């Protein structure tokens, strides 16, 4: 059985803009991916609301810097066969980074961390799948619109930047924007149908990456 770590933010955690609340377990994309892969793999969901690629954001109590907490999680869940990374949305916050190129550099640091981790017991370095999150959309939610000011245009650049990074570093790549759209309720998150669509869309990419 293969082991997969899904490393992400609120889109992986399953934030539901309605309420707001959290999507039912079965609607979150890692759960959908698990259901489709069945007994051939074990899918571990590690999503945190507000997580960035490699930037500090101390508005919430949890450490949101994805690069800083990743080594601990790699050690916690090893051995791993594949790490799926879907981050970058929160980098679009104007007070965090606000630029797609910053998110791309953060993702490059994530790749370096995964490949440079001192894995115990001679466990192999896991394969990596970089996922570009769906671009932000327009919203009448004033708080989110202000927090992510300028983020719509920048988020459109994530997929081509991540695709180029994946090619450069020898990682697999998937553009979640090809199967899912963010909700205008807040411009950032996904409804249940769209988060399920990411899990379904990832299945063939993951099977190819793991030879399943």
N, C-alpha and C. Protein backbone atom coordinates (compact mmCIF):
# COMPACT_ATOMS: atom_id res chain seq x y z
N UNK A 1 0.83 -1.20 0.00
CA UNK A 1 0.00 0.00 0.00
C UNK A 1 0.87 1.25 0.00
N UNK A 2 0.55 2.20 -0.86
CA UNK A 2 1.26 3.46 -0.94
C UNK A 2 0.70 4.45 0.10
N UNK A 3 1.56 5.36 0.55
CA UNK A 3 1.13 6.38 1.51
C UNK A 3 1.32 7.76 0.90
N UNK A 4 0.26 8.55 0.95
CA UNK A 4 0.23 9.87 0.32
C UNK A 4 -0.07 10.93 1.37
N UNK A 5 0.73 11.98 1.41
CA UNK A 5 0.48 13.12 2.28
C UNK A 5 -0.04 14.28 1.44
N UNK A 6 -1.21 14.80 1.81
CA UNK A 6 -1.80 15.95 1.14
C UNK A 6 -1.54 17.18 1.99
N UNK A 7 -0.66 18.04 1.54
CA UNK A 7 -0.22 19.19 2.32
C UNK A 7 -0.81 20.46 1.73
N UNK A 8 -1.66 21.13 2.52
CA UNK A 8 -2.33 22.29 1.96
C UNK A 8 -2.89 23.24 2.99
N UNK A 9 -3.81 24.07 2.55
CA UNK A 9 -4.41 25.10 3.39
C UNK A 9 -5.89 24.80 3.60
N UNK A 10 -6.72 25.83 3.65
CA UNK A 10 -8.15 25.63 3.91
C UNK A 10 -8.85 24.86 2.80
N UNK A 11 -8.30 24.89 1.58
CA UNK A 11 -8.90 24.13 0.48
C UNK A 11 -8.71 22.63 0.70
N UNK A 12 -7.66 22.26 1.40
CA UNK A 12 -7.43 20.86 1.77
C UNK A 12 -8.15 20.52 3.06
N UNK A 13 -8.19 21.46 4.00
CA UNK A 13 -8.91 21.29 5.27
C UNK A 13 -10.40 21.10 5.03
N UNK A 14 -10.93 21.78 4.01
CA UNK A 14 -12.34 21.64 3.67
C UNK A 14 -13.22 22.79 4.13
N UNK A 15 -12.70 24.01 4.09
CA UNK A 15 -13.46 25.20 4.51
C UNK A 15 -14.66 25.40 3.60
N UNK A 16 -15.82 25.57 4.23
CA UNK A 16 -17.06 25.80 3.50
C UNK A 16 -17.51 27.23 3.75
N UNK A 17 -17.59 28.04 2.70
CA UNK A 17 -17.96 29.44 2.84
C UNK A 17 -19.39 29.62 3.34
N UNK A 18 -20.20 28.60 3.19
CA UNK A 18 -21.56 28.66 3.71
C UNK A 18 -21.50 28.41 5.22
N UNK A 19 -21.93 29.35 5.97
CA UNK A 19 -21.91 29.19 7.44
C UNK A 19 -21.14 30.29 8.13
N UNK A 20 -19.80 30.39 8.00
CA UNK A 20 -18.90 29.37 7.42
C UNK A 20 -18.78 28.16 8.32
N UNK A 21 -18.31 27.07 7.72
CA UNK A 21 -18.19 25.81 8.45
C UNK A 21 -17.15 24.95 7.73
N UNK A 22 -17.20 23.66 7.97
CA UNK A 22 -16.28 22.72 7.33
C UNK A 22 -17.09 21.70 6.55
N UNK A 23 -16.64 21.42 5.34
CA UNK A 23 -17.32 20.41 4.54
C UNK A 23 -17.33 19.06 5.25
N UNK A 24 -18.35 18.28 4.98
CA UNK A 24 -18.39 16.92 5.50
C UNK A 24 -17.14 16.16 5.06
N UNK A 25 -16.70 15.25 5.88
CA UNK A 25 -15.47 14.49 5.61
C UNK A 25 -15.47 13.91 4.20
N UNK A 26 -16.59 13.34 3.79
CA UNK A 26 -16.64 12.66 2.49
C UNK A 26 -16.57 13.63 1.30
N UNK A 27 -16.78 14.93 1.54
CA UNK A 27 -16.73 15.91 0.46
C UNK A 27 -15.36 16.55 0.29
N UNK A 28 -14.45 16.36 1.22
CA UNK A 28 -13.12 16.97 1.11
C UNK A 28 -12.30 16.23 0.06
N UNK A 29 -11.49 16.96 -0.70
CA UNK A 29 -10.82 16.31 -1.83
C UNK A 29 -9.88 15.17 -1.43
N UNK A 30 -9.16 15.24 -0.29
CA UNK A 30 -8.34 14.06 0.06
C UNK A 30 -9.20 12.82 0.32
N UNK A 31 -10.39 13.02 0.87
CA UNK A 31 -11.28 11.89 1.13
C UNK A 31 -11.79 11.30 -0.18
N UNK A 32 -12.10 12.15 -1.14
CA UNK A 32 -12.54 11.68 -2.45
C UNK A 32 -11.42 10.91 -3.14
N UNK A 33 -10.21 11.44 -3.05
CA UNK A 33 -9.06 10.75 -3.63
C UNK A 33 -8.87 9.38 -2.98
N UNK A 34 -9.00 9.32 -1.65
CA UNK A 34 -8.88 8.05 -0.94
C UNK A 34 -9.92 7.05 -1.44
N UNK A 35 -11.15 7.51 -1.59
CA UNK A 35 -12.20 6.62 -2.05
C UNK A 35 -11.93 6.07 -3.43
N UNK A 36 -11.36 6.86 -4.29
CA UNK A 36 -11.10 6.43 -5.66
C UNK A 36 -9.89 5.51 -5.75
N UNK A 37 -8.92 5.72 -4.87
CA UNK A 37 -7.73 4.86 -4.89
C UNK A 37 -7.96 3.56 -4.13
N UNK A 38 -8.92 3.56 -3.21
CA UNK A 38 -9.25 2.35 -2.47
C UNK A 38 -8.09 1.83 -1.64
N UNK A 39 -7.94 0.53 -1.62
CA UNK A 39 -6.94 -0.10 -0.76
C UNK A 39 -5.52 -0.01 -1.31
N UNK A 40 -5.37 0.60 -2.48
CA UNK A 40 -4.02 0.70 -3.05
C UNK A 40 -3.19 1.80 -2.40
N UNK A 41 -3.86 2.69 -1.64
CA UNK A 41 -3.12 3.80 -1.03
C UNK A 41 -3.81 4.26 0.24
N UNK A 42 -3.03 4.89 1.11
CA UNK A 42 -3.55 5.54 2.31
C UNK A 42 -3.29 7.03 2.15
N UNK A 43 -4.36 7.82 2.20
CA UNK A 43 -4.27 9.26 1.97
C UNK A 43 -4.37 10.00 3.30
N UNK A 44 -3.35 10.79 3.61
CA UNK A 44 -3.31 11.56 4.86
C UNK A 44 -3.55 13.03 4.52
N UNK A 45 -4.58 13.62 5.13
CA UNK A 45 -4.90 15.03 4.89
C UNK A 45 -4.24 15.90 5.95
N UNK A 46 -3.43 16.86 5.51
CA UNK A 46 -2.79 17.82 6.41
C UNK A 46 -3.07 19.23 5.88
N UNK A 47 -4.29 19.69 6.14
CA UNK A 47 -4.69 21.02 5.71
C UNK A 47 -4.84 21.95 6.90
N UNK A 48 -4.44 23.20 6.74
CA UNK A 48 -4.56 24.21 7.80
C UNK A 48 -5.03 25.51 7.17
N UNK A 49 -6.09 26.08 7.70
CA UNK A 49 -6.60 27.35 7.19
C UNK A 49 -5.54 28.43 7.33
N UNK A 50 -5.30 29.16 6.26
CA UNK A 50 -4.34 30.24 6.28
C UNK A 50 -2.91 29.85 5.98
N UNK A 51 -2.63 28.57 5.79
CA UNK A 51 -1.24 28.14 5.56
C UNK A 51 -0.69 28.76 4.27
N UNK A 52 0.54 29.23 4.34
CA UNK A 52 1.24 29.78 3.19
C UNK A 52 2.30 28.79 2.73
N UNK A 53 2.98 29.14 1.65
CA UNK A 53 4.08 28.29 1.21
C UNK A 53 5.26 28.44 2.18
N UNK A 54 5.70 29.68 2.39
CA UNK A 54 6.90 29.89 3.22
C UNK A 54 6.91 31.26 3.89
N UNK A 55 5.72 31.82 4.15
CA UNK A 55 5.63 33.17 4.71
C UNK A 55 4.94 33.15 6.07
N UNK A 56 5.34 34.06 6.94
CA UNK A 56 4.73 34.18 8.26
C UNK A 56 3.42 34.96 8.19
N UNK A 57 2.45 34.50 8.98
CA UNK A 57 1.18 35.20 9.14
C UNK A 57 0.68 34.85 10.53
N UNK A 58 0.85 35.76 11.46
CA UNK A 58 0.56 35.49 12.86
C UNK A 58 -0.84 35.98 13.28
N UNK A 59 -1.75 36.17 12.33
CA UNK A 59 -3.10 36.60 12.67
C UNK A 59 -3.83 35.53 13.48
N UNK A 60 -3.56 34.28 13.16
CA UNK A 60 -4.16 33.16 13.89
C UNK A 60 -3.15 32.55 14.85
N UNK A 61 -3.63 31.72 15.76
CA UNK A 61 -2.77 31.12 16.77
C UNK A 61 -1.82 30.07 16.25
N UNK A 62 -2.21 29.36 15.18
CA UNK A 62 -1.37 28.28 14.64
C UNK A 62 -0.27 28.85 13.74
N UNK A 63 0.83 28.12 13.64
CA UNK A 63 1.92 28.52 12.76
C UNK A 63 1.50 28.22 11.32
N UNK A 64 1.35 29.27 10.53
CA UNK A 64 0.86 29.11 9.16
C UNK A 64 1.97 29.00 8.12
N UNK A 65 3.21 29.09 8.53
CA UNK A 65 4.32 29.02 7.60
C UNK A 65 4.53 27.58 7.16
N UNK A 66 4.17 27.28 5.92
CA UNK A 66 4.22 25.90 5.44
C UNK A 66 5.61 25.32 5.40
N UNK A 67 6.60 26.14 5.11
CA UNK A 67 7.98 25.63 5.04
C UNK A 67 8.51 25.28 6.43
N UNK A 68 8.08 26.01 7.43
CA UNK A 68 8.62 25.79 8.78
C UNK A 68 8.05 24.52 9.42
N UNK A 69 6.77 24.23 9.20
CA UNK A 69 6.15 23.09 9.89
C UNK A 69 6.31 21.79 9.10
N UNK A 70 6.63 21.90 7.81
CA UNK A 70 6.68 20.71 6.95
C UNK A 70 7.65 19.63 7.44
N UNK A 71 8.89 19.95 7.85
CA UNK A 71 9.79 18.87 8.29
C UNK A 71 9.21 18.01 9.41
N UNK A 72 8.49 18.64 10.34
CA UNK A 72 7.87 17.88 11.43
C UNK A 72 6.84 16.90 10.89
N UNK A 73 6.04 17.35 9.93
CA UNK A 73 4.98 16.49 9.38
C UNK A 73 5.56 15.39 8.51
N UNK A 74 6.63 15.67 7.81
CA UNK A 74 7.29 14.62 7.02
C UNK A 74 7.81 13.52 7.93
N UNK A 75 8.38 13.92 9.07
CA UNK A 75 8.88 12.93 10.02
C UNK A 75 7.74 12.19 10.70
N UNK A 76 6.65 12.90 10.99
CA UNK A 76 5.50 12.28 11.65
C UNK A 76 4.88 11.18 10.82
N UNK A 77 4.76 11.41 9.52
CA UNK A 77 4.00 10.49 8.67
C UNK A 77 4.87 9.57 7.82
N UNK A 78 6.17 9.64 7.94
CA UNK A 78 7.03 8.78 7.13
C UNK A 78 6.86 7.31 7.53
N UNK A 79 7.09 6.39 6.58
CA UNK A 79 7.56 6.63 5.22
C UNK A 79 6.42 7.05 4.29
N UNK A 80 6.75 7.93 3.35
CA UNK A 80 5.78 8.44 2.40
C UNK A 80 6.22 8.09 0.98
N UNK A 81 5.24 7.82 0.13
CA UNK A 81 5.52 7.55 -1.28
C UNK A 81 5.29 8.78 -2.15
N UNK A 82 4.36 9.64 -1.71
CA UNK A 82 4.02 10.82 -2.50
C UNK A 82 3.57 11.94 -1.57
N UNK A 83 4.04 13.16 -1.86
CA UNK A 83 3.54 14.35 -1.17
C UNK A 83 2.85 15.22 -2.20
N UNK A 84 1.57 15.48 -1.99
CA UNK A 84 0.81 16.39 -2.83
C UNK A 84 0.77 17.74 -2.13
N UNK A 85 1.25 18.78 -2.80
CA UNK A 85 1.30 20.12 -2.20
C UNK A 85 0.38 21.05 -2.97
N UNK A 86 -0.66 21.55 -2.30
CA UNK A 86 -1.53 22.57 -2.91
C UNK A 86 -1.55 23.78 -1.98
N UNK A 87 -0.65 24.71 -2.25
CA UNK A 87 -0.51 25.94 -1.48
C UNK A 87 -0.34 27.12 -2.44
N UNK A 88 -0.49 28.32 -1.91
CA UNK A 88 -0.28 29.51 -2.71
C UNK A 88 -1.41 30.51 -2.62
N UNK A 89 -2.62 30.03 -2.32
CA UNK A 89 -3.76 30.95 -2.22
C UNK A 89 -3.51 32.02 -1.16
N UNK A 90 -3.05 31.62 0.01
CA UNK A 90 -2.86 32.59 1.10
C UNK A 90 -1.65 33.49 0.88
N UNK A 91 -0.74 33.07 0.01
CA UNK A 91 0.36 33.94 -0.36
C UNK A 91 -0.15 35.18 -1.10
N UNK A 92 -1.36 35.08 -1.67
CA UNK A 92 -1.94 36.18 -2.42
C UNK A 92 -2.44 37.32 -1.53
N UNK A 93 -2.49 37.10 -0.21
CA UNK A 93 -2.86 38.18 0.70
C UNK A 93 -1.83 39.30 0.57
N UNK A 94 -2.31 40.53 0.44
CA UNK A 94 -1.40 41.65 0.20
C UNK A 94 -0.40 41.85 1.33
N UNK A 95 -0.80 41.52 2.57
CA UNK A 95 0.10 41.72 3.70
C UNK A 95 0.98 40.51 3.98
N UNK A 96 0.79 39.44 3.21
CA UNK A 96 1.64 38.25 3.35
C UNK A 96 2.72 38.25 2.26
N UNK A 97 2.29 38.29 1.01
CA UNK A 97 3.21 38.36 -0.12
C UNK A 97 2.58 39.16 -1.25
N UNK A 98 1.42 38.67 -1.72
CA UNK A 98 0.68 39.39 -2.74
C UNK A 98 1.16 39.18 -4.16
N UNK A 99 2.16 38.33 -4.35
CA UNK A 99 2.70 38.11 -5.68
C UNK A 99 2.82 36.61 -5.98
N UNK A 100 2.42 36.25 -7.19
CA UNK A 100 2.51 34.85 -7.60
C UNK A 100 3.96 34.36 -7.63
N UNK A 101 4.88 35.23 -8.00
CA UNK A 101 6.27 34.81 -8.05
C UNK A 101 6.79 34.45 -6.66
N UNK A 102 6.26 35.12 -5.63
CA UNK A 102 6.63 34.77 -4.27
C UNK A 102 6.14 33.38 -3.91
N UNK A 103 4.91 33.05 -4.33
CA UNK A 103 4.37 31.72 -4.07
C UNK A 103 5.18 30.66 -4.81
N UNK A 104 5.59 30.97 -6.02
CA UNK A 104 6.41 30.03 -6.78
C UNK A 104 7.73 29.76 -6.07
N UNK A 105 8.35 30.81 -5.53
CA UNK A 105 9.59 30.63 -4.80
C UNK A 105 9.36 29.85 -3.51
N UNK A 106 8.20 30.09 -2.88
CA UNK A 106 7.85 29.33 -1.69
C UNK A 106 7.66 27.86 -1.99
N UNK A 107 7.03 27.56 -3.12
CA UNK A 107 6.85 26.16 -3.51
C UNK A 107 8.19 25.50 -3.84
N UNK A 108 9.09 26.27 -4.41
CA UNK A 108 10.42 25.72 -4.68
C UNK A 108 11.12 25.35 -3.37
N UNK A 109 10.93 26.18 -2.35
CA UNK A 109 11.50 25.87 -1.03
C UNK A 109 10.86 24.61 -0.46
N UNK A 110 9.56 24.43 -0.66
CA UNK A 110 8.86 23.23 -0.20
C UNK A 110 9.49 21.98 -0.84
N UNK A 111 9.75 22.05 -2.14
CA UNK A 111 10.37 20.93 -2.84
C UNK A 111 11.74 20.63 -2.24
N UNK A 112 12.52 21.67 -1.98
CA UNK A 112 13.85 21.49 -1.39
C UNK A 112 13.77 20.81 -0.03
N UNK A 113 12.78 21.20 0.77
CA UNK A 113 12.62 20.61 2.10
C UNK A 113 12.28 19.13 2.01
N UNK A 114 11.34 18.79 1.13
CA UNK A 114 10.94 17.39 0.99
C UNK A 114 12.11 16.53 0.56
N UNK A 115 12.90 17.04 -0.36
CA UNK A 115 14.03 16.26 -0.88
C UNK A 115 15.25 16.28 0.03
N UNK A 116 15.31 17.26 0.93
CA UNK A 116 16.46 17.36 1.81
C UNK A 116 16.22 16.83 3.21
N UNK A 117 15.03 16.32 3.46
CA UNK A 117 14.69 15.81 4.79
C UNK A 117 15.55 14.60 5.14
N UNK A 118 16.11 14.55 6.37
CA UNK A 118 16.89 13.37 6.79
C UNK A 118 15.95 12.24 7.23
N UNK A 119 15.46 11.48 6.27
CA UNK A 119 14.49 10.43 6.56
C UNK A 119 15.13 9.29 7.35
N UNK A 120 14.42 8.82 8.37
CA UNK A 120 14.92 7.74 9.21
C UNK A 120 14.87 6.40 8.49
N UNK A 121 15.68 5.46 8.98
CA UNK A 121 15.66 4.07 8.53
C UNK A 121 15.89 3.92 7.02
N UNK A 122 16.59 4.90 6.44
CA UNK A 122 16.87 4.86 5.01
C UNK A 122 15.62 4.86 4.14
N UNK A 123 14.55 5.45 4.68
CA UNK A 123 13.34 5.59 3.86
C UNK A 123 13.65 6.46 2.65
N UNK A 124 13.06 6.12 1.53
CA UNK A 124 13.33 6.86 0.29
C UNK A 124 12.64 8.22 0.30
N UNK A 125 13.16 9.12 -0.51
CA UNK A 125 12.55 10.44 -0.68
C UNK A 125 11.25 10.27 -1.47
N UNK A 126 10.13 10.80 -0.97
CA UNK A 126 8.86 10.62 -1.69
C UNK A 126 8.81 11.42 -2.99
N UNK A 127 7.99 10.97 -3.90
CA UNK A 127 7.69 11.74 -5.10
C UNK A 127 6.87 12.97 -4.70
N UNK A 128 6.85 13.96 -5.58
CA UNK A 128 6.16 15.21 -5.28
C UNK A 128 5.22 15.57 -6.41
N UNK A 129 4.01 15.98 -6.04
CA UNK A 129 3.01 16.45 -6.99
C UNK A 129 2.62 17.88 -6.59
N UNK A 130 2.96 18.84 -7.44
CA UNK A 130 2.60 20.23 -7.19
C UNK A 130 1.24 20.53 -7.80
N UNK A 131 0.37 21.13 -7.01
CA UNK A 131 -0.99 21.45 -7.46
C UNK A 131 -1.20 22.96 -7.38
N UNK A 132 -1.57 23.56 -8.49
CA UNK A 132 -1.93 24.97 -8.50
C UNK A 132 -3.39 25.10 -8.07
N UNK A 133 -3.68 25.89 -7.04
CA UNK A 133 -5.07 26.03 -6.58
C UNK A 133 -5.89 26.81 -7.60
N UNK A 134 -7.20 26.63 -7.58
CA UNK A 134 -8.06 27.41 -8.48
C UNK A 134 -7.88 28.91 -8.24
N UNK A 135 -7.86 29.72 -9.28
CA UNK A 135 -7.69 31.17 -9.10
C UNK A 135 -8.83 31.79 -8.28
N UNK A 136 -8.52 32.89 -7.64
CA UNK A 136 -9.53 33.64 -6.90
C UNK A 136 -10.56 34.20 -7.87
N UNK A 137 -11.76 34.47 -7.37
CA UNK A 137 -12.79 35.08 -8.19
C UNK A 137 -13.36 36.31 -7.47
N UNK A 138 -14.17 37.08 -8.18
CA UNK A 138 -14.76 38.29 -7.61
C UNK A 138 -15.76 37.91 -6.51
N UNK A 139 -15.84 38.76 -5.49
CA UNK A 139 -16.76 38.51 -4.38
C UNK A 139 -17.27 39.82 -3.82
N UNK A 140 -18.45 39.78 -3.23
CA UNK A 140 -18.99 40.94 -2.54
C UNK A 140 -18.71 40.89 -1.05
N UNK A 141 -17.95 39.87 -0.61
CA UNK A 141 -17.52 39.79 0.78
C UNK A 141 -16.41 40.81 0.98
N UNK A 142 -16.71 41.90 1.64
CA UNK A 142 -15.78 43.02 1.72
C UNK A 142 -14.48 42.65 2.44
N UNK A 143 -14.56 41.84 3.49
CA UNK A 143 -13.35 41.46 4.23
C UNK A 143 -12.39 40.68 3.33
N UNK A 144 -12.91 39.63 2.67
CA UNK A 144 -12.05 38.83 1.81
C UNK A 144 -11.54 39.65 0.62
N UNK A 145 -12.39 40.52 0.07
CA UNK A 145 -11.97 41.34 -1.06
C UNK A 145 -10.80 42.24 -0.67
N UNK A 146 -10.83 42.79 0.53
CA UNK A 146 -9.74 43.66 0.99
C UNK A 146 -8.49 42.86 1.32
N UNK A 147 -8.67 41.72 2.00
CA UNK A 147 -7.52 40.90 2.39
C UNK A 147 -6.74 40.42 1.17
N UNK A 148 -7.47 40.08 0.11
CA UNK A 148 -6.84 39.54 -1.10
C UNK A 148 -6.83 40.57 -2.23
N UNK A 149 -6.77 41.85 -1.90
CA UNK A 149 -6.75 42.89 -2.92
C UNK A 149 -5.61 42.66 -3.91
N UNK A 150 -5.95 42.64 -5.19
CA UNK A 150 -4.96 42.37 -6.23
C UNK A 150 -4.70 40.90 -6.46
N UNK A 151 -5.30 40.05 -5.63
CA UNK A 151 -5.01 38.62 -5.69
C UNK A 151 -5.62 37.90 -6.88
N UNK A 152 -6.73 38.42 -7.43
CA UNK A 152 -7.35 37.74 -8.56
C UNK A 152 -6.39 37.65 -9.74
N UNK A 153 -5.78 38.76 -10.09
CA UNK A 153 -4.86 38.76 -11.23
C UNK A 153 -3.62 37.93 -10.95
N UNK A 154 -3.07 38.07 -9.75
CA UNK A 154 -1.87 37.32 -9.41
C UNK A 154 -2.13 35.82 -9.36
N UNK A 155 -3.30 35.42 -8.85
CA UNK A 155 -3.60 33.99 -8.73
C UNK A 155 -3.71 33.31 -10.09
N UNK A 156 -4.03 34.09 -11.12
CA UNK A 156 -4.09 33.53 -12.47
C UNK A 156 -2.71 33.09 -12.97
N UNK A 157 -1.66 33.62 -12.35
CA UNK A 157 -0.30 33.31 -12.77
C UNK A 157 0.25 32.04 -12.11
N UNK A 158 -0.45 31.54 -11.08
CA UNK A 158 0.11 30.42 -10.32
C UNK A 158 0.29 29.16 -11.15
N UNK A 159 -0.72 28.79 -11.94
CA UNK A 159 -0.64 27.54 -12.69
C UNK A 159 0.56 27.51 -13.64
N UNK A 160 0.76 28.52 -14.49
CA UNK A 160 1.94 28.45 -15.37
C UNK A 160 3.27 28.50 -14.62
N UNK A 161 3.31 29.25 -13.53
CA UNK A 161 4.55 29.29 -12.74
C UNK A 161 4.83 27.94 -12.08
N UNK A 162 3.80 27.31 -11.53
CA UNK A 162 3.97 26.00 -10.89
C UNK A 162 4.30 24.92 -11.93
N UNK A 163 3.68 25.01 -13.11
CA UNK A 163 3.98 24.04 -14.16
C UNK A 163 5.44 24.11 -14.57
N UNK A 164 5.94 25.34 -14.69
CA UNK A 164 7.35 25.51 -15.05
C UNK A 164 8.26 25.00 -13.93
N UNK A 165 7.87 25.26 -12.69
CA UNK A 165 8.66 24.77 -11.55
C UNK A 165 8.68 23.25 -11.52
N UNK A 166 7.53 22.64 -11.77
CA UNK A 166 7.45 21.17 -11.77
C UNK A 166 8.37 20.58 -12.83
N UNK A 167 8.37 21.18 -14.00
CA UNK A 167 9.24 20.70 -15.07
C UNK A 167 10.70 20.88 -14.69
N UNK A 168 11.01 22.01 -14.10
CA UNK A 168 12.39 22.32 -13.71
C UNK A 168 12.90 21.36 -12.64
N UNK A 169 12.04 20.98 -11.71
CA UNK A 169 12.46 20.18 -10.56
C UNK A 169 12.13 18.69 -10.69
N UNK A 170 11.48 18.31 -11.77
CA UNK A 170 11.14 16.91 -11.96
C UNK A 170 9.99 16.43 -11.10
N UNK A 171 9.06 17.33 -10.80
CA UNK A 171 7.86 16.97 -10.04
C UNK A 171 6.68 16.77 -10.98
N UNK A 172 5.68 16.06 -10.52
CA UNK A 172 4.42 15.98 -11.25
C UNK A 172 3.64 17.28 -11.02
N UNK A 173 2.67 17.57 -11.89
CA UNK A 173 1.92 18.82 -11.78
C UNK A 173 0.45 18.60 -12.14
N UNK A 174 -0.41 19.33 -11.43
CA UNK A 174 -1.84 19.32 -11.74
C UNK A 174 -2.39 20.72 -11.51
N UNK A 175 -3.17 21.22 -12.43
CA UNK A 175 -3.82 22.51 -12.31
C UNK A 175 -5.26 22.30 -11.84
N UNK A 176 -5.51 22.54 -10.55
CA UNK A 176 -6.86 22.32 -10.00
C UNK A 176 -7.88 23.26 -10.63
N UNK A 177 -7.42 24.36 -11.22
CA UNK A 177 -8.32 25.28 -11.89
C UNK A 177 -8.95 24.73 -13.14
N UNK A 178 -8.45 23.59 -13.63
CA UNK A 178 -9.05 22.96 -14.80
C UNK A 178 -10.30 22.17 -14.44
N UNK A 179 -10.50 21.89 -13.16
CA UNK A 179 -11.66 21.09 -12.75
C UNK A 179 -12.52 21.77 -11.70
N UNK A 180 -12.03 22.86 -11.09
CA UNK A 180 -12.75 23.47 -9.98
C UNK A 180 -12.71 24.99 -10.08
N UNK A 181 -13.75 25.62 -9.53
CA UNK A 181 -13.87 27.07 -9.49
C UNK A 181 -14.14 27.52 -8.06
N UNK A 182 -13.55 28.64 -7.66
CA UNK A 182 -13.81 29.18 -6.33
C UNK A 182 -15.21 29.80 -6.28
N UNK A 183 -15.76 29.89 -5.06
CA UNK A 183 -17.11 30.40 -4.89
C UNK A 183 -17.12 31.91 -4.72
N UNK A 184 -18.05 32.60 -5.35
CA UNK A 184 -18.16 34.06 -5.17
C UNK A 184 -18.64 34.46 -3.78
N UNK A 185 -19.01 33.48 -2.95
CA UNK A 185 -19.40 33.82 -1.58
C UNK A 185 -18.27 34.51 -0.84
N UNK A 186 -17.01 34.09 -1.12
CA UNK A 186 -15.87 34.79 -0.53
C UNK A 186 -14.71 34.95 -1.51
N UNK A 187 -14.84 34.36 -2.70
CA UNK A 187 -13.83 34.50 -3.73
C UNK A 187 -12.62 33.60 -3.57
N UNK A 188 -12.58 32.81 -2.52
CA UNK A 188 -11.38 32.05 -2.16
C UNK A 188 -11.62 30.54 -2.11
N UNK A 189 -12.72 30.16 -1.47
CA UNK A 189 -12.93 28.76 -1.13
C UNK A 189 -13.79 28.03 -2.15
N UNK A 190 -14.06 26.77 -1.87
CA UNK A 190 -14.75 25.88 -2.79
C UNK A 190 -16.04 25.35 -2.18
N UNK A 191 -17.08 25.22 -3.00
CA UNK A 191 -18.25 24.52 -2.51
C UNK A 191 -17.98 23.02 -2.56
N UNK A 192 -18.91 22.23 -2.07
CA UNK A 192 -18.68 20.78 -1.96
C UNK A 192 -18.42 20.14 -3.32
N UNK A 193 -19.17 20.56 -4.33
CA UNK A 193 -19.02 19.97 -5.66
C UNK A 193 -17.61 20.21 -6.21
N UNK A 194 -17.10 21.41 -6.01
CA UNK A 194 -15.80 21.74 -6.57
C UNK A 194 -14.65 21.13 -5.79
N UNK A 195 -14.78 21.00 -4.48
CA UNK A 195 -13.70 20.33 -3.75
C UNK A 195 -13.67 18.83 -4.06
N UNK A 196 -14.85 18.24 -4.28
CA UNK A 196 -14.88 16.84 -4.71
C UNK A 196 -14.24 16.68 -6.09
N UNK A 197 -14.44 17.67 -6.95
CA UNK A 197 -13.90 17.59 -8.31
C UNK A 197 -12.38 17.54 -8.30
N UNK A 198 -11.75 18.20 -7.34
CA UNK A 198 -10.29 18.14 -7.27
C UNK A 198 -9.82 16.73 -6.93
N UNK A 199 -10.48 16.10 -5.98
CA UNK A 199 -10.13 14.73 -5.64
C UNK A 199 -10.26 13.79 -6.82
N UNK A 200 -11.35 13.96 -7.58
CA UNK A 200 -11.56 13.11 -8.75
C UNK A 200 -10.54 13.42 -9.83
N UNK A 201 -10.24 14.71 -10.03
CA UNK A 201 -9.28 15.09 -11.05
C UNK A 201 -7.87 14.62 -10.76
N UNK A 202 -7.55 14.52 -9.50
CA UNK A 202 -6.20 14.09 -9.11
C UNK A 202 -5.97 12.59 -9.28
N UNK A 203 -7.02 11.81 -9.28
CA UNK A 203 -6.85 10.36 -9.30
C UNK A 203 -5.93 9.86 -10.41
N UNK A 204 -6.17 10.19 -11.68
CA UNK A 204 -5.27 9.65 -12.72
C UNK A 204 -3.84 10.16 -12.61
N UNK A 205 -3.67 11.39 -12.15
CA UNK A 205 -2.33 11.95 -11.99
C UNK A 205 -1.57 11.21 -10.89
N UNK A 206 -2.27 10.93 -9.80
CA UNK A 206 -1.65 10.20 -8.68
C UNK A 206 -1.35 8.76 -9.09
N UNK A 207 -2.25 8.13 -9.79
CA UNK A 207 -2.00 6.75 -10.24
C UNK A 207 -0.76 6.69 -11.13
N UNK A 208 -0.61 7.66 -12.00
CA UNK A 208 0.55 7.69 -12.87
C UNK A 208 1.83 7.93 -12.06
N UNK A 209 1.76 8.85 -11.09
CA UNK A 209 2.93 9.18 -10.29
C UNK A 209 3.41 7.99 -9.46
N UNK A 210 2.45 7.16 -9.02
CA UNK A 210 2.79 6.04 -8.15
C UNK A 210 2.82 4.70 -8.89
N UNK A 211 2.51 4.71 -10.18
CA UNK A 211 2.50 3.47 -10.93
C UNK A 211 1.40 2.51 -10.52
N UNK A 212 0.25 3.06 -10.15
CA UNK A 212 -0.87 2.22 -9.70
C UNK A 212 -1.76 1.80 -10.86
